[in-house]
Structure formats: C-alpha cells, structure tokens
C-alpha cells in the first residue's frame, strides 16, 4: 500500500517520505533556513555592464547582485534586434545597457562574497517537456528512438503552438513517449 508520511514535529525541519508497504522509495527533507534559490526566475535590472569581463551585474532583489556573462544573455533582451544580427564581434555595451529590465534564472547559488551566477536562458522543466520562453526551438530527447514517434510528438507541439499562438521553445522529454 502506497502512503505519504509527513513529519513536521520540529519547526526547523520538514520530512516527507513516500512508502510502498515497508519500503521508502522517496524521501524529501526541507530545511526552511537553508532555502535554495537555484532555478528560481526573477525580473531584474542591469546595474552595471563590465566590458572587460564581457558580463553584467543584475539586481534581482537579493543581498548581492547576480553575475550574468554575455553568453548567458538571451537574444530576446538585446536592445538592437535587427534581423540577421547576432552577438558576433559586437561588444556587450552594444547589446545591453544599464537600467534595462531583464528576466533571469539562478544557475548557481551565491557563495561567500560572490553573488549568484544567473542566466537569461530560462528553462521551466515539467514531467513531459521543458518550456523555454526565450527561444524558438523544438527539441526531442535522443532516447526516443523511432522516427515515427519523434515526428508525432513534434507535430503535436507545432499544432499546439499554432492553434494557441504560443511562443517559446520546447524540449520533449523521454517520459512523453507514447503519451
């Protein structure tokens, strides 16, 4: 018999166990004082652009500003969005500017005196797919082997995006096979 056991007797720790009979098959321990920020998404503002580092510092509401390398800035946030222009040899000051608002995701937790490492390439994982609002790409897990299944899944995503005028990219996960 599958059950969920919750132990919240101490306020500094919450334990949740999923059991099947007498066997634990999942255990999660949450400590509120050590709350992680990794993978959280924030609306931030570029406070400083550092051409020597090819990076920017982003105020996203934390104690320390986050570090955003140029390669992690989504093209959706470039200030000059002329068709056919990529980052190329243009400098970071040509692409983004101080005071500009940007959506970012924490890629690496702050450590010591350093702020968090952040990215502009947002990824929101789900059970069957990963949604990426800043790109326009449909990817499929390599573990889905048959061409027919890959074509079927890609068709479903394309049809959904067309019918609902839905933007963004998707990576179809292995769990979506035959669904």
N, C-alpha and C. Protein backbone atom coordinates (compact mmCIF):
# COMPACT_ATOMS: atom_id res chain seq x y z
N UNK A 1 0.84 -1.17 0.00
CA UNK A 1 0.00 0.00 0.00
C UNK A 1 0.89 1.25 0.00
N UNK A 2 0.66 2.15 -0.95
CA UNK A 2 1.45 3.37 -1.06
C UNK A 2 0.88 4.44 -0.14
N UNK A 3 1.80 5.08 0.61
CA UNK A 3 1.38 6.13 1.53
C UNK A 3 2.41 7.25 1.54
N UNK A 4 1.97 8.43 2.00
CA UNK A 4 2.86 9.57 2.18
C UNK A 4 2.90 9.86 3.69
N UNK A 5 4.10 9.86 4.25
CA UNK A 5 4.28 10.13 5.66
C UNK A 5 4.93 11.51 5.81
N UNK A 6 4.33 12.36 6.64
CA UNK A 6 4.84 13.72 6.85
C UNK A 6 5.21 13.87 8.31
N UNK A 7 6.43 14.33 8.56
CA UNK A 7 6.90 14.60 9.91
C UNK A 7 7.23 16.08 10.00
N UNK A 8 6.35 16.84 10.67
CA UNK A 8 6.55 18.28 10.83
C UNK A 8 6.55 18.64 12.31
N UNK A 9 7.07 17.76 13.15
CA UNK A 9 7.04 17.99 14.60
C UNK A 9 8.04 19.05 15.04
N UNK A 10 9.11 19.25 14.27
CA UNK A 10 10.10 20.28 14.58
C UNK A 10 10.01 21.37 13.53
N UNK A 11 9.95 22.63 13.97
CA UNK A 11 9.75 23.70 13.00
C UNK A 11 10.98 23.97 12.14
N UNK A 12 12.16 23.49 12.54
CA UNK A 12 13.34 23.73 11.72
C UNK A 12 13.56 22.67 10.65
N UNK A 13 12.67 21.67 10.57
CA UNK A 13 12.84 20.62 9.56
C UNK A 13 11.50 19.98 9.23
N UNK A 14 11.26 19.77 7.93
CA UNK A 14 10.05 19.10 7.45
C UNK A 14 10.51 17.88 6.66
N UNK A 15 9.98 16.70 7.01
CA UNK A 15 10.34 15.46 6.32
C UNK A 15 9.10 14.86 5.68
N UNK A 16 9.23 14.46 4.42
CA UNK A 16 8.14 13.80 3.71
C UNK A 16 8.71 12.53 3.09
N UNK A 17 8.09 11.40 3.40
CA UNK A 17 8.54 10.11 2.87
C UNK A 17 7.40 9.47 2.09
N UNK A 18 7.71 8.91 0.94
CA UNK A 18 6.76 8.12 0.17
C UNK A 18 7.13 6.67 0.37
N UNK A 19 6.17 5.88 0.84
CA UNK A 19 6.45 4.49 1.16
C UNK A 19 5.50 3.56 0.41
N UNK A 20 6.02 2.40 0.08
CA UNK A 20 5.21 1.33 -0.52
C UNK A 20 5.35 0.13 0.41
N UNK A 21 4.33 -0.11 1.21
CA UNK A 21 4.42 -1.14 2.23
C UNK A 21 5.40 -0.70 3.30
N UNK A 22 6.48 -1.45 3.47
CA UNK A 22 7.51 -1.12 4.45
C UNK A 22 8.76 -0.51 3.81
N UNK A 23 8.70 -0.22 2.51
CA UNK A 23 9.87 0.28 1.77
C UNK A 23 9.72 1.75 1.42
N UNK A 24 10.71 2.60 1.79
CA UNK A 24 10.73 4.02 1.41
C UNK A 24 11.28 4.12 0.00
N UNK A 25 10.51 4.74 -0.92
CA UNK A 25 11.04 4.91 -2.27
C UNK A 25 11.32 6.37 -2.61
N UNK A 26 10.97 7.30 -1.71
CA UNK A 26 11.35 8.71 -1.90
C UNK A 26 11.34 9.40 -0.55
N UNK A 27 12.36 10.20 -0.30
CA UNK A 27 12.46 10.94 0.95
C UNK A 27 12.89 12.36 0.63
N UNK A 28 12.16 13.33 1.16
CA UNK A 28 12.49 14.73 0.95
C UNK A 28 12.56 15.41 2.30
N UNK A 29 13.68 16.07 2.56
CA UNK A 29 13.87 16.81 3.81
C UNK A 29 14.05 18.27 3.45
N UNK A 30 13.17 19.12 3.97
CA UNK A 30 13.22 20.55 3.68
C UNK A 30 13.58 21.30 4.95
N UNK A 31 14.59 22.15 4.84
CA UNK A 31 15.04 22.96 5.97
C UNK A 31 14.83 24.42 5.57
N UNK A 32 13.80 25.08 6.12
CA UNK A 32 13.47 26.45 5.72
C UNK A 32 14.62 27.44 5.85
N UNK A 33 15.50 27.25 6.83
CA UNK A 33 16.63 28.17 7.00
C UNK A 33 17.65 28.05 5.87
N UNK A 34 17.63 26.96 5.12
CA UNK A 34 18.55 26.76 4.00
C UNK A 34 17.79 26.72 2.68
N UNK A 35 16.92 27.65 2.50
CA UNK A 35 16.11 27.70 1.29
C UNK A 35 17.00 27.97 0.08
N UNK A 36 16.86 27.18 -0.97
CA UNK A 36 17.67 27.36 -2.16
C UNK A 36 16.97 28.28 -3.15
N UNK A 37 17.76 28.98 -3.90
CA UNK A 37 17.23 29.89 -4.91
C UNK A 37 17.49 29.39 -6.33
N UNK A 38 18.30 28.34 -6.45
CA UNK A 38 18.64 27.82 -7.77
C UNK A 38 17.38 27.45 -8.55
N UNK A 39 17.33 27.85 -9.80
CA UNK A 39 16.24 27.62 -10.74
C UNK A 39 15.08 28.59 -10.56
N UNK A 40 15.12 29.46 -9.53
CA UNK A 40 14.08 30.47 -9.40
C UNK A 40 14.22 31.50 -10.52
N UNK A 41 13.10 32.08 -10.94
CA UNK A 41 13.09 33.07 -12.02
C UNK A 41 12.74 34.43 -11.42
N UNK A 42 13.48 35.46 -11.83
CA UNK A 42 13.29 36.81 -11.30
C UNK A 42 13.27 37.84 -12.43
N UNK A 43 12.59 38.95 -12.17
CA UNK A 43 12.68 40.12 -13.04
C UNK A 43 13.74 41.01 -12.42
N UNK A 44 14.78 41.30 -13.17
CA UNK A 44 15.88 42.09 -12.63
C UNK A 44 16.16 43.30 -13.48
N UNK A 45 17.13 44.08 -13.04
CA UNK A 45 17.55 45.28 -13.76
C UNK A 45 19.07 45.26 -13.85
N UNK A 46 19.59 45.56 -15.03
CA UNK A 46 21.03 45.61 -15.23
C UNK A 46 21.57 46.84 -14.51
N UNK A 47 22.45 46.61 -13.54
CA UNK A 47 23.01 47.73 -12.77
C UNK A 47 24.38 48.15 -13.27
N UNK A 48 25.14 47.20 -13.82
CA UNK A 48 26.47 47.53 -14.30
C UNK A 48 26.85 46.60 -15.44
N UNK A 49 27.41 47.18 -16.50
CA UNK A 49 27.91 46.40 -17.62
C UNK A 49 29.43 46.50 -17.59
N UNK A 50 30.10 45.34 -17.58
CA UNK A 50 31.56 45.29 -17.49
C UNK A 50 32.14 44.74 -18.80
N UNK A 51 32.57 45.63 -19.71
CA UNK A 51 33.14 45.17 -20.98
C UNK A 51 34.38 44.30 -20.81
N UNK A 52 35.19 44.55 -19.77
CA UNK A 52 36.41 43.76 -19.58
C UNK A 52 36.08 42.32 -19.21
N UNK A 53 34.95 42.10 -18.56
CA UNK A 53 34.52 40.75 -18.19
C UNK A 53 33.55 40.16 -19.21
N UNK A 54 33.07 41.00 -20.14
CA UNK A 54 32.00 40.61 -21.07
C UNK A 54 30.83 40.05 -20.27
N UNK A 55 30.42 40.83 -19.26
CA UNK A 55 29.35 40.39 -18.37
C UNK A 55 28.64 41.60 -17.80
N UNK A 56 27.53 41.32 -17.14
CA UNK A 56 26.75 42.37 -16.48
C UNK A 56 26.39 41.91 -15.07
N UNK A 57 26.10 42.88 -14.22
CA UNK A 57 25.63 42.59 -12.88
C UNK A 57 24.17 42.97 -12.80
N UNK A 58 23.36 42.08 -12.25
CA UNK A 58 21.91 42.22 -12.26
C UNK A 58 21.38 42.32 -10.83
N UNK A 59 20.57 43.34 -10.58
CA UNK A 59 19.87 43.46 -9.30
C UNK A 59 18.54 42.73 -9.46
N UNK A 60 18.39 41.60 -8.77
CA UNK A 60 17.15 40.83 -8.86
C UNK A 60 16.47 40.73 -7.50
N UNK A 61 16.90 41.59 -6.55
CA UNK A 61 16.25 41.65 -5.26
C UNK A 61 16.98 40.93 -4.14
N UNK A 62 18.10 40.33 -4.41
CA UNK A 62 18.87 39.63 -3.37
C UNK A 62 19.86 40.60 -2.73
N UNK A 63 20.53 40.15 -1.69
CA UNK A 63 21.52 40.97 -0.98
C UNK A 63 22.66 41.38 -1.92
N UNK A 64 23.12 40.44 -2.72
CA UNK A 64 24.20 40.71 -3.70
C UNK A 64 23.64 40.62 -5.10
N UNK A 65 24.22 41.39 -6.00
CA UNK A 65 23.79 41.35 -7.40
C UNK A 65 24.28 40.07 -8.05
N UNK A 66 23.53 39.59 -9.05
CA UNK A 66 23.90 38.39 -9.76
C UNK A 66 24.85 38.69 -10.91
N UNK A 67 25.63 37.70 -11.29
CA UNK A 67 26.62 37.82 -12.37
C UNK A 67 26.05 37.16 -13.62
N UNK A 68 25.97 37.93 -14.71
CA UNK A 68 25.40 37.45 -15.97
C UNK A 68 26.42 37.59 -17.09
N UNK A 69 27.08 36.48 -17.49
CA UNK A 69 28.01 36.54 -18.63
C UNK A 69 27.27 36.81 -19.94
N UNK A 70 27.92 37.42 -20.89
CA UNK A 70 27.29 37.76 -22.17
C UNK A 70 26.71 36.53 -22.86
N UNK A 71 27.40 35.40 -22.81
CA UNK A 71 26.90 34.20 -23.49
C UNK A 71 25.60 33.68 -22.88
N UNK A 72 25.27 34.13 -21.66
CA UNK A 72 24.04 33.71 -20.98
C UNK A 72 22.90 34.71 -21.17
N UNK A 73 23.13 35.79 -21.92
CA UNK A 73 22.08 36.77 -22.19
C UNK A 73 21.26 36.28 -23.38
N UNK A 74 19.97 36.13 -23.20
CA UNK A 74 19.10 35.71 -24.29
C UNK A 74 19.01 36.81 -25.34
N UNK A 75 19.01 36.43 -26.61
CA UNK A 75 18.91 37.40 -27.70
C UNK A 75 17.61 38.20 -27.62
N UNK A 76 16.61 37.67 -26.91
CA UNK A 76 15.35 38.38 -26.74
C UNK A 76 15.54 39.69 -25.97
N UNK A 77 16.65 39.82 -25.22
CA UNK A 77 16.88 41.02 -24.42
C UNK A 77 17.91 41.95 -25.03
N UNK A 78 18.40 41.65 -26.23
CA UNK A 78 19.32 42.57 -26.89
C UNK A 78 18.56 43.84 -27.23
N UNK A 79 19.20 45.01 -27.01
CA UNK A 79 18.49 46.27 -27.24
C UNK A 79 18.31 46.57 -28.72
N UNK A 80 19.19 46.05 -29.58
CA UNK A 80 19.11 46.27 -31.02
C UNK A 80 18.76 44.95 -31.68
N UNK A 81 17.47 44.75 -32.00
CA UNK A 81 17.01 43.46 -32.51
C UNK A 81 16.80 43.49 -34.01
N UNK A 82 17.81 43.89 -34.75
CA UNK A 82 17.68 43.90 -36.20
C UNK A 82 17.84 42.49 -36.73
N UNK A 83 17.01 42.10 -37.74
CA UNK A 83 17.10 40.74 -38.26
C UNK A 83 18.49 40.43 -38.81
N UNK A 84 18.93 39.20 -38.54
CA UNK A 84 20.21 38.75 -39.09
C UNK A 84 21.41 39.15 -38.26
N UNK A 85 21.22 39.98 -37.22
CA UNK A 85 22.36 40.39 -36.42
C UNK A 85 22.48 39.50 -35.21
N UNK A 86 23.60 38.90 -35.03
CA UNK A 86 23.89 38.08 -33.86
C UNK A 86 24.86 38.87 -32.99
N UNK A 87 25.26 38.27 -31.87
CA UNK A 87 26.23 38.91 -30.99
C UNK A 87 27.53 39.19 -31.72
N UNK A 88 28.06 38.16 -32.38
CA UNK A 88 29.25 38.29 -33.21
C UNK A 88 30.36 39.08 -32.55
N UNK A 89 30.90 40.06 -33.28
CA UNK A 89 32.03 40.83 -32.76
C UNK A 89 31.58 42.08 -32.01
N UNK A 90 30.27 42.30 -31.91
CA UNK A 90 29.80 43.47 -31.19
C UNK A 90 30.06 43.29 -29.70
N UNK A 91 30.39 44.38 -29.01
CA UNK A 91 30.66 44.32 -27.58
C UNK A 91 29.38 44.26 -26.77
N UNK A 92 29.55 43.96 -25.50
CA UNK A 92 28.40 43.81 -24.61
C UNK A 92 27.64 45.13 -24.47
N UNK A 93 28.34 46.27 -24.53
CA UNK A 93 27.66 47.57 -24.41
C UNK A 93 26.78 47.86 -25.63
N UNK A 94 27.06 47.21 -26.76
CA UNK A 94 26.22 47.38 -27.96
C UNK A 94 24.95 46.54 -27.87
N UNK A 95 24.93 45.55 -27.00
CA UNK A 95 23.83 44.60 -26.94
C UNK A 95 22.86 44.85 -25.78
N UNK A 96 23.39 45.25 -24.63
CA UNK A 96 22.54 45.52 -23.47
C UNK A 96 23.00 46.83 -22.84
N UNK A 97 22.14 47.41 -22.00
CA UNK A 97 22.50 48.68 -21.38
C UNK A 97 22.08 48.71 -19.91
N UNK A 98 22.75 49.54 -19.16
CA UNK A 98 22.43 49.70 -17.74
C UNK A 98 21.02 50.26 -17.60
N UNK A 99 20.30 49.76 -16.59
CA UNK A 99 18.93 50.19 -16.36
C UNK A 99 17.89 49.35 -17.08
N UNK A 100 18.32 48.52 -18.02
CA UNK A 100 17.42 47.67 -18.79
C UNK A 100 16.85 46.57 -17.91
N UNK A 101 15.55 46.29 -18.05
CA UNK A 101 14.93 45.19 -17.29
C UNK A 101 15.14 43.89 -18.05
N UNK A 102 15.32 42.82 -17.29
CA UNK A 102 15.63 41.52 -17.90
C UNK A 102 15.07 40.41 -17.00
N UNK A 103 14.63 39.33 -17.60
CA UNK A 103 14.16 38.16 -16.86
C UNK A 103 15.33 37.19 -16.76
N UNK A 104 15.62 36.74 -15.54
CA UNK A 104 16.77 35.86 -15.32
C UNK A 104 16.38 34.68 -14.44
N UNK A 105 17.22 33.65 -14.49
CA UNK A 105 17.05 32.46 -13.67
C UNK A 105 18.37 32.17 -12.97
N UNK A 106 18.30 31.76 -11.71
CA UNK A 106 19.50 31.46 -10.94
C UNK A 106 20.09 30.14 -11.45
N UNK A 107 21.35 30.20 -11.90
CA UNK A 107 22.03 29.00 -12.38
C UNK A 107 22.92 28.39 -11.30
N UNK A 108 23.47 29.25 -10.43
CA UNK A 108 24.35 28.78 -9.36
C UNK A 108 24.13 29.66 -8.14
N UNK A 109 23.99 29.03 -6.99
CA UNK A 109 23.72 29.74 -5.73
C UNK A 109 24.85 30.72 -5.39
N UNK A 110 24.51 31.81 -4.67
CA UNK A 110 25.58 32.69 -4.18
C UNK A 110 26.51 31.92 -3.23
N UNK A 111 27.77 32.26 -3.24
CA UNK A 111 28.74 31.56 -2.41
C UNK A 111 29.69 32.56 -1.78
N UNK A 112 29.71 32.64 -0.47
CA UNK A 112 30.60 33.57 0.24
C UNK A 112 30.30 35.00 -0.14
N UNK A 113 31.32 35.70 -0.63
CA UNK A 113 31.17 37.10 -1.02
C UNK A 113 30.66 37.26 -2.44
N UNK A 114 30.58 36.18 -3.20
CA UNK A 114 30.14 36.26 -4.59
C UNK A 114 28.63 36.18 -4.69
N UNK A 115 28.07 36.91 -5.63
CA UNK A 115 26.64 36.84 -5.89
C UNK A 115 26.33 35.60 -6.72
N UNK A 116 25.07 35.39 -6.98
CA UNK A 116 24.63 34.22 -7.75
C UNK A 116 25.06 34.34 -9.20
N UNK A 117 25.31 33.21 -9.82
CA UNK A 117 25.54 33.17 -11.26
C UNK A 117 24.16 33.00 -11.88
N UNK A 118 23.82 33.84 -12.85
CA UNK A 118 22.48 33.80 -13.42
C UNK A 118 22.53 33.64 -14.93
N UNK A 119 21.38 33.30 -15.50
CA UNK A 119 21.27 33.12 -16.93
C UNK A 119 20.00 33.77 -17.44
N UNK A 120 20.03 34.18 -18.67
CA UNK A 120 18.83 34.74 -19.32
C UNK A 120 18.11 33.68 -20.14
N UNK A 121 18.67 32.47 -20.21
CA UNK A 121 18.04 31.36 -20.93
C UNK A 121 17.18 30.59 -19.94
N UNK A 122 15.92 30.98 -19.84
CA UNK A 122 15.01 30.41 -18.85
C UNK A 122 14.60 29.01 -19.29
N UNK A 123 14.57 28.07 -18.35
CA UNK A 123 14.12 26.70 -18.60
C UNK A 123 13.19 26.30 -17.46
N UNK A 124 11.94 25.97 -17.81
CA UNK A 124 10.95 25.56 -16.82
C UNK A 124 10.62 24.09 -17.07
N UNK A 125 11.23 23.18 -16.29
CA UNK A 125 11.04 21.75 -16.53
C UNK A 125 9.71 21.23 -16.02
N UNK A 126 9.13 20.34 -16.79
CA UNK A 126 7.93 19.63 -16.40
C UNK A 126 8.15 18.14 -16.60
N UNK A 127 7.13 17.37 -16.36
CA UNK A 127 7.28 15.92 -16.47
C UNK A 127 7.51 15.47 -17.91
N UNK A 128 6.78 16.05 -18.85
CA UNK A 128 6.85 15.60 -20.24
C UNK A 128 7.65 16.53 -21.15
N UNK A 129 7.85 17.78 -20.73
CA UNK A 129 8.63 18.69 -21.56
C UNK A 129 9.27 19.77 -20.71
N UNK A 130 10.23 20.45 -21.32
CA UNK A 130 10.88 21.61 -20.71
C UNK A 130 10.50 22.80 -21.58
N UNK A 131 9.89 23.82 -20.96
CA UNK A 131 9.48 25.02 -21.69
C UNK A 131 10.56 26.09 -21.56
N UNK A 132 10.94 26.68 -22.69
CA UNK A 132 11.96 27.73 -22.71
C UNK A 132 11.38 28.95 -23.42
N UNK A 133 10.89 29.94 -22.66
CA UNK A 133 10.18 31.06 -23.26
C UNK A 133 11.04 32.00 -24.10
N UNK A 134 12.36 31.96 -23.95
CA UNK A 134 13.21 32.92 -24.68
C UNK A 134 13.81 32.38 -25.98
N UNK A 135 13.46 31.16 -26.37
CA UNK A 135 13.96 30.60 -27.64
C UNK A 135 12.79 30.09 -28.47
N UNK A 136 13.04 29.81 -29.73
CA UNK A 136 12.01 29.27 -30.60
C UNK A 136 12.55 27.98 -31.21
N UNK A 137 12.51 26.91 -30.44
CA UNK A 137 13.13 25.66 -30.84
C UNK A 137 12.31 24.49 -30.31
N UNK A 138 12.20 23.43 -31.08
CA UNK A 138 11.58 22.20 -30.60
C UNK A 138 12.64 21.12 -30.63
N UNK A 139 13.00 20.63 -29.46
CA UNK A 139 13.97 19.56 -29.34
C UNK A 139 13.29 18.31 -28.81
N UNK A 140 13.87 17.15 -29.12
CA UNK A 140 13.30 15.89 -28.68
C UNK A 140 14.41 15.05 -28.06
N UNK A 141 14.11 14.41 -26.95
CA UNK A 141 15.07 13.54 -26.26
C UNK A 141 15.64 12.52 -27.24
N UNK A 142 16.94 12.29 -27.16
CA UNK A 142 17.60 11.30 -28.03
C UNK A 142 17.18 9.88 -27.70
N UNK A 143 16.63 9.69 -26.51
CA UNK A 143 16.22 8.34 -26.11
C UNK A 143 14.92 7.92 -26.78
N UNK A 144 14.22 8.86 -27.41
CA UNK A 144 13.04 8.50 -28.21
C UNK A 144 13.57 8.10 -29.57
N UNK A 145 13.61 6.81 -29.81
CA UNK A 145 14.38 6.28 -30.94
C UNK A 145 13.64 6.28 -32.28
N UNK A 146 12.35 5.98 -32.29
CA UNK A 146 11.69 5.79 -33.59
C UNK A 146 11.37 7.13 -34.25
N UNK A 147 11.59 7.15 -35.54
CA UNK A 147 11.33 8.36 -36.33
C UNK A 147 9.85 8.73 -36.28
N UNK A 148 8.98 7.71 -36.30
CA UNK A 148 7.53 7.96 -36.28
C UNK A 148 7.12 8.67 -34.99
N UNK A 149 7.64 8.20 -33.86
CA UNK A 149 7.28 8.80 -32.57
C UNK A 149 7.82 10.23 -32.46
N UNK A 150 9.03 10.44 -32.94
CA UNK A 150 9.62 11.78 -32.91
C UNK A 150 8.79 12.74 -33.78
N UNK A 151 8.38 12.28 -34.96
CA UNK A 151 7.56 13.10 -35.86
C UNK A 151 6.20 13.38 -35.25
N UNK A 152 5.60 12.38 -34.61
CA UNK A 152 4.29 12.55 -33.97
C UNK A 152 4.35 13.59 -32.86
N UNK A 153 5.35 13.48 -32.00
CA UNK A 153 5.47 14.41 -30.88
C UNK A 153 5.76 15.84 -31.36
N UNK A 154 6.65 15.97 -32.35
CA UNK A 154 6.94 17.29 -32.89
C UNK A 154 5.68 17.91 -33.51
N UNK A 155 4.87 17.10 -34.19
CA UNK A 155 3.62 17.58 -34.79
C UNK A 155 2.64 18.08 -33.74
N UNK A 156 2.54 17.37 -32.62
CA UNK A 156 1.63 17.78 -31.54
C UNK A 156 2.05 19.15 -31.00
N UNK A 157 3.35 19.34 -30.76
CA UNK A 157 3.82 20.62 -30.22
C UNK A 157 3.61 21.74 -31.24
N UNK A 158 3.92 21.50 -32.52
CA UNK A 158 3.72 22.52 -33.55
C UNK A 158 2.25 22.91 -33.66
N UNK A 159 1.37 21.92 -33.67
CA UNK A 159 -0.06 22.18 -33.77
C UNK A 159 -0.54 23.02 -32.57
N UNK A 160 -0.10 22.67 -31.38
CA UNK A 160 -0.48 23.41 -30.17
C UNK A 160 0.00 24.86 -30.26
N UNK A 161 1.25 25.05 -30.66
CA UNK A 161 1.80 26.41 -30.76
C UNK A 161 1.05 27.23 -31.79
N UNK A 162 0.69 26.62 -32.91
CA UNK A 162 -0.03 27.34 -33.96
C UNK A 162 -1.46 27.69 -33.54
N UNK A 163 -2.16 26.74 -32.94
CA UNK A 163 -3.56 26.96 -32.54
C UNK A 163 -3.69 27.99 -31.43
N UNK A 164 -2.72 28.03 -30.52
CA UNK A 164 -2.84 28.89 -29.35
C UNK A 164 -1.92 30.11 -29.42
N UNK A 165 -1.27 30.32 -30.57
CA UNK A 165 -0.34 31.44 -30.74
C UNK A 165 0.64 31.51 -29.57
N UNK A 166 1.21 30.36 -29.29
CA UNK A 166 2.06 30.16 -28.13
C UNK A 166 3.51 30.24 -28.56
N UNK A 167 4.28 31.15 -27.97
CA UNK A 167 5.69 31.29 -28.33
C UNK A 167 6.59 30.51 -27.39
N UNK A 168 7.84 30.48 -27.73
CA UNK A 168 8.82 29.83 -26.88
C UNK A 168 9.22 28.47 -27.42
N UNK A 169 10.26 27.95 -26.84
CA UNK A 169 10.78 26.66 -27.26
C UNK A 169 10.41 25.56 -26.30
N UNK A 170 10.57 24.33 -26.78
CA UNK A 170 10.20 23.15 -26.00
C UNK A 170 11.23 22.06 -26.24
N UNK A 171 11.57 21.35 -25.18
CA UNK A 171 12.32 20.10 -25.31
C UNK A 171 11.38 19.00 -24.84
N UNK A 172 11.08 18.07 -25.70
CA UNK A 172 10.19 16.96 -25.37
C UNK A 172 11.03 15.89 -24.66
N UNK A 173 10.62 15.53 -23.45
CA UNK A 173 11.37 14.59 -22.64
C UNK A 173 10.99 13.15 -22.95
N UNK A 174 11.83 12.22 -22.55
CA UNK A 174 11.62 10.81 -22.79
C UNK A 174 10.29 10.32 -22.23
N UNK A 175 9.85 10.88 -21.11
CA UNK A 175 8.59 10.46 -20.48
C UNK A 175 7.38 10.74 -21.37
N UNK A 176 7.52 11.58 -22.39
CA UNK A 176 6.40 11.91 -23.29
C UNK A 176 6.18 10.83 -24.35
N UNK A 177 7.11 9.90 -24.48
CA UNK A 177 7.00 8.85 -25.49
C UNK A 177 5.71 8.07 -25.29
N UNK A 178 4.97 7.88 -26.37
CA UNK A 178 3.70 7.13 -26.40
C UNK A 178 2.63 7.78 -25.52
N UNK A 179 2.70 9.07 -25.28
CA UNK A 179 1.67 9.78 -24.50
C UNK A 179 0.85 10.62 -25.45
